Amino acid sequence: MKYLIAAALLATTVVGFAPIADAAGGCGRGYHRGPYGECRPNVVIRRPPVYVVRPPVVYRPAPVVVVPRARICPRGMVWYAGRCRY
């Protein structure tokens, strides 16, 4: 019986000297100690994923070419400087 009591006493002494790992620093679950000792919430910052999207290919229709109508002057006259002249 005295060996059992001695073992229990030894066990409690060893457990009493063992450091207890307290990751939260006494702040509780979801919090941690800040640089000045205050409790801060654990915040996970997640950046949105980056998607690379090619711009759509746009086929433009061919431009419409308008050719001005040829100026026709009466016989004996010539088109010169924007009007018919002799």
N, C-alpha and C. Protein backbone atom coordinates (compact mmCIF):
# COMPACT_ATOMS: atom_id res chain seq x y z
N MET A 1 0.82 -1.19 0.00
CA MET A 1 0.00 0.00 0.00
C MET A 1 0.87 1.25 0.00
N LYS A 2 1.97 1.21 0.76
CA LYS A 2 2.80 2.40 0.79
C LYS A 2 3.48 2.65 -0.55
N TYR A 3 3.69 1.57 -1.36
CA TYR A 3 4.25 1.77 -2.70
C TYR A 3 3.24 2.48 -3.62
N LEU A 4 2.00 2.17 -3.45
CA LEU A 4 0.95 2.82 -4.24
C LEU A 4 0.84 4.30 -3.88
N ILE A 5 0.92 4.62 -2.61
CA ILE A 5 0.86 6.02 -2.18
C ILE A 5 2.10 6.77 -2.66
N ALA A 6 3.26 6.12 -2.58
CA ALA A 6 4.49 6.76 -3.03
C ALA A 6 4.45 6.99 -4.54
N ALA A 7 3.89 6.04 -5.30
CA ALA A 7 3.77 6.21 -6.76
C ALA A 7 2.81 7.35 -7.10
N ALA A 8 1.71 7.46 -6.37
CA ALA A 8 0.74 8.53 -6.61
C ALA A 8 1.35 9.88 -6.28
N LEU A 9 2.10 9.95 -5.18
CA LEU A 9 2.74 11.19 -4.79
C LEU A 9 3.80 11.60 -5.81
N LEU A 10 4.56 10.62 -6.29
CA LEU A 10 5.57 10.91 -7.31
C LEU A 10 4.92 11.37 -8.63
N ALA A 11 3.82 10.74 -9.00
CA ALA A 11 3.14 11.09 -10.24
C ALA A 11 2.59 12.52 -10.18
N THR A 12 2.00 12.89 -9.06
CA THR A 12 1.46 14.24 -8.95
C THR A 12 2.56 15.29 -8.90
N THR A 13 3.71 14.92 -8.32
CA THR A 13 4.84 15.85 -8.28
C THR A 13 5.40 16.07 -9.68
N VAL A 14 5.54 14.99 -10.46
CA VAL A 14 6.07 15.12 -11.82
C VAL A 14 5.10 15.89 -12.70
N VAL A 15 3.83 15.62 -12.56
CA VAL A 15 2.83 16.32 -13.37
C VAL A 15 2.78 17.79 -12.97
N GLY A 16 3.00 18.11 -11.73
CA GLY A 16 2.97 19.49 -11.28
C GLY A 16 4.12 20.32 -11.84
N PHE A 17 5.27 19.69 -12.09
CA PHE A 17 6.40 20.42 -12.65
C PHE A 17 6.40 20.49 -14.17
N ALA A 18 5.61 19.66 -14.83
CA ALA A 18 5.58 19.64 -16.30
C ALA A 18 4.89 20.90 -16.80
N PRO A 19 5.49 21.56 -17.76
CA PRO A 19 4.83 22.77 -18.30
C PRO A 19 3.60 22.39 -19.12
N ILE A 20 2.59 23.18 -18.99
CA ILE A 20 1.35 22.94 -19.73
C ILE A 20 1.38 23.83 -20.97
N ALA A 21 1.21 23.22 -22.11
CA ALA A 21 1.22 23.98 -23.37
C ALA A 21 -0.14 24.67 -23.54
N ASP A 22 -0.13 25.97 -23.49
CA ASP A 22 -1.35 26.75 -23.67
C ASP A 22 -1.16 27.60 -24.92
N ALA A 23 -1.65 27.11 -26.03
CA ALA A 23 -1.41 27.78 -27.31
C ALA A 23 -2.15 29.11 -27.39
N ALA A 24 -3.31 29.19 -26.77
CA ALA A 24 -4.10 30.41 -26.88
C ALA A 24 -3.60 31.50 -25.94
N GLY A 25 -2.75 31.17 -24.99
CA GLY A 25 -2.24 32.18 -24.06
C GLY A 25 -3.29 32.64 -23.09
N GLY A 26 -4.31 31.82 -22.86
CA GLY A 26 -5.35 32.18 -21.91
C GLY A 26 -6.48 32.99 -22.52
N CYS A 27 -6.48 33.17 -23.80
CA CYS A 27 -7.51 33.99 -24.46
C CYS A 27 -8.76 33.18 -24.82
N GLY A 28 -8.63 31.88 -24.96
CA GLY A 28 -9.77 31.07 -25.34
C GLY A 28 -9.66 30.62 -26.78
N ARG A 29 -10.61 29.78 -27.15
CA ARG A 29 -10.58 29.20 -28.49
C ARG A 29 -10.87 30.26 -29.56
N GLY A 30 -10.05 30.29 -30.59
CA GLY A 30 -10.25 31.25 -31.68
C GLY A 30 -9.57 32.59 -31.46
N TYR A 31 -8.81 32.73 -30.36
CA TYR A 31 -8.12 33.98 -30.05
C TYR A 31 -6.66 33.69 -29.72
N HIS A 32 -5.82 34.71 -29.84
CA HIS A 32 -4.41 34.58 -29.48
C HIS A 32 -3.94 35.90 -28.86
N ARG A 33 -2.77 35.85 -28.24
CA ARG A 33 -2.23 37.05 -27.62
C ARG A 33 -1.55 37.92 -28.68
N GLY A 34 -1.78 39.22 -28.59
CA GLY A 34 -1.14 40.17 -29.48
C GLY A 34 0.22 40.58 -28.93
N PRO A 35 0.92 41.48 -29.63
CA PRO A 35 2.25 41.88 -29.17
C PRO A 35 2.23 42.65 -27.84
N TYR A 36 1.11 43.25 -27.49
CA TYR A 36 1.02 44.00 -26.23
C TYR A 36 0.21 43.25 -25.18
N GLY A 37 -0.08 41.96 -25.42
CA GLY A 37 -0.76 41.15 -24.43
C GLY A 37 -2.27 41.10 -24.54
N GLU A 38 -2.87 41.82 -25.45
CA GLU A 38 -4.32 41.79 -25.59
C GLU A 38 -4.73 40.56 -26.40
N CYS A 39 -5.97 40.14 -26.23
CA CYS A 39 -6.49 38.99 -26.98
C CYS A 39 -7.02 39.47 -28.32
N ARG A 40 -6.58 38.78 -29.37
CA ARG A 40 -7.01 39.12 -30.73
C ARG A 40 -7.64 37.89 -31.38
N PRO A 41 -8.66 38.09 -32.23
CA PRO A 41 -9.26 36.93 -32.90
C PRO A 41 -8.32 36.40 -33.98
N ASN A 42 -8.37 35.08 -34.16
CA ASN A 42 -7.60 34.48 -35.24
C ASN A 42 -8.35 34.73 -36.54
N VAL A 43 -7.71 35.43 -37.46
CA VAL A 43 -8.34 35.79 -38.74
C VAL A 43 -7.52 35.16 -39.84
N VAL A 44 -8.19 34.43 -40.71
CA VAL A 44 -7.53 33.84 -41.86
C VAL A 44 -7.91 34.67 -43.07
N ILE A 45 -6.90 35.24 -43.72
CA ILE A 45 -7.14 36.06 -44.91
C ILE A 45 -6.90 35.19 -46.12
N ARG A 46 -7.95 34.98 -46.88
CA ARG A 46 -7.84 34.19 -48.10
C ARG A 46 -8.08 35.09 -49.29
N ARG A 47 -7.13 35.04 -50.20
CA ARG A 47 -7.28 35.85 -51.40
C ARG A 47 -8.10 35.07 -52.42
N PRO A 48 -8.92 35.78 -53.20
CA PRO A 48 -9.71 35.07 -54.20
C PRO A 48 -8.79 34.51 -55.29
N PRO A 49 -9.18 33.41 -55.89
CA PRO A 49 -8.34 32.84 -56.94
C PRO A 49 -8.29 33.76 -58.16
N VAL A 50 -7.20 33.70 -58.87
CA VAL A 50 -7.01 34.54 -60.05
C VAL A 50 -7.33 33.70 -61.28
N TYR A 51 -8.26 34.16 -62.06
CA TYR A 51 -8.63 33.48 -63.29
C TYR A 51 -8.13 34.30 -64.46
N VAL A 52 -7.45 33.65 -65.38
CA VAL A 52 -6.97 34.33 -66.57
C VAL A 52 -7.94 34.00 -67.69
N VAL A 53 -8.59 35.03 -68.21
CA VAL A 53 -9.59 34.84 -69.25
C VAL A 53 -9.11 35.56 -70.50
N ARG A 54 -9.08 34.83 -71.59
CA ARG A 54 -8.70 35.46 -72.85
C ARG A 54 -9.83 36.37 -73.33
N PRO A 55 -9.46 37.50 -73.93
CA PRO A 55 -10.53 38.36 -74.46
C PRO A 55 -11.20 37.66 -75.65
N PRO A 56 -12.49 37.88 -75.83
CA PRO A 56 -13.17 37.22 -76.94
C PRO A 56 -12.67 37.78 -78.27
N VAL A 57 -12.63 36.89 -79.25
CA VAL A 57 -12.21 37.30 -80.59
C VAL A 57 -13.41 37.90 -81.29
N VAL A 58 -13.28 39.15 -81.71
CA VAL A 58 -14.38 39.84 -82.38
C VAL A 58 -14.02 40.00 -83.84
N TYR A 59 -14.84 39.42 -84.68
CA TYR A 59 -14.64 39.57 -86.11
C TYR A 59 -15.49 40.74 -86.58
N ARG A 60 -14.81 41.77 -87.02
CA ARG A 60 -15.51 42.95 -87.48
C ARG A 60 -15.84 42.80 -88.96
N PRO A 61 -17.01 43.25 -89.37
CA PRO A 61 -17.32 43.16 -90.79
C PRO A 61 -16.43 44.13 -91.58
N ALA A 62 -16.23 43.79 -92.83
CA ALA A 62 -15.40 44.63 -93.68
C ALA A 62 -16.05 46.00 -93.83
N PRO A 63 -15.23 47.05 -93.85
CA PRO A 63 -15.82 48.39 -94.00
C PRO A 63 -16.46 48.56 -95.38
N VAL A 64 -17.51 49.36 -95.40
CA VAL A 64 -18.21 49.63 -96.64
C VAL A 64 -17.48 50.75 -97.37
N VAL A 65 -17.07 50.46 -98.59
CA VAL A 65 -16.35 51.46 -99.38
C VAL A 65 -17.33 52.11 -100.33
N VAL A 66 -17.44 53.42 -100.21
CA VAL A 66 -18.35 54.16 -101.07
C VAL A 66 -17.50 54.93 -102.07
N VAL A 67 -17.68 54.60 -103.32
CA VAL A 67 -16.93 55.27 -104.39
C VAL A 67 -17.81 56.38 -104.94
N PRO A 68 -17.32 57.62 -104.95
CA PRO A 68 -18.15 58.70 -105.48
C PRO A 68 -18.43 58.50 -106.98
N ARG A 69 -19.59 58.93 -107.33
CA ARG A 69 -19.98 58.80 -108.73
C ARG A 69 -19.13 59.70 -109.60
N ALA A 70 -18.74 59.20 -110.74
CA ALA A 70 -17.89 59.99 -111.64
C ALA A 70 -18.67 61.20 -112.16
N ARG A 71 -17.98 62.32 -112.24
CA ARG A 71 -18.61 63.53 -112.74
C ARG A 71 -18.59 63.46 -114.27
N ILE A 72 -19.73 63.69 -114.81
CA ILE A 72 -19.80 63.69 -116.27
C ILE A 72 -20.14 65.10 -116.73
N CYS A 73 -19.23 65.63 -117.50
CA CYS A 73 -19.42 66.99 -118.02
C CYS A 73 -19.90 66.89 -119.48
N PRO A 74 -20.60 67.91 -119.95
CA PRO A 74 -21.02 67.90 -121.36
C PRO A 74 -19.80 67.90 -122.28
N ARG A 75 -20.00 67.59 -123.56
CA ARG A 75 -18.89 67.55 -124.51
C ARG A 75 -18.24 68.90 -124.63
N GLY A 76 -16.92 68.82 -124.65
CA GLY A 76 -16.16 70.05 -124.79
C GLY A 76 -15.79 70.67 -123.44
N MET A 77 -16.26 70.10 -122.35
CA MET A 77 -15.94 70.64 -121.03
C MET A 77 -15.12 69.60 -120.25
N VAL A 78 -14.37 70.07 -119.26
CA VAL A 78 -13.51 69.21 -118.45
C VAL A 78 -13.81 69.47 -116.98
N TRP A 79 -13.79 68.41 -116.19
CA TRP A 79 -13.96 68.56 -114.74
C TRP A 79 -12.67 69.06 -114.16
N TYR A 80 -12.66 70.25 -113.58
CA TYR A 80 -11.45 70.84 -113.04
C TYR A 80 -11.83 71.71 -111.85
N ALA A 81 -11.14 71.53 -110.74
CA ALA A 81 -11.31 72.33 -109.53
C ALA A 81 -12.75 72.31 -109.03
N GLY A 82 -13.37 71.13 -109.10
CA GLY A 82 -14.68 70.96 -108.52
C GLY A 82 -15.85 71.38 -109.38
N ARG A 83 -15.62 71.69 -110.67
CA ARG A 83 -16.74 71.99 -111.54
C ARG A 83 -16.34 71.79 -113.01
N CYS A 84 -17.32 71.81 -113.86
CA CYS A 84 -17.08 71.64 -115.30
C CYS A 84 -16.59 72.97 -115.88
N ARG A 85 -15.49 72.92 -116.65
CA ARG A 85 -14.91 74.13 -117.26
C ARG A 85 -14.61 73.87 -118.72
N TYR A 86 -14.45 74.97 -119.45
CA TYR A 86 -14.10 74.85 -120.87
C TYR A 86 -12.67 74.58 -121.06
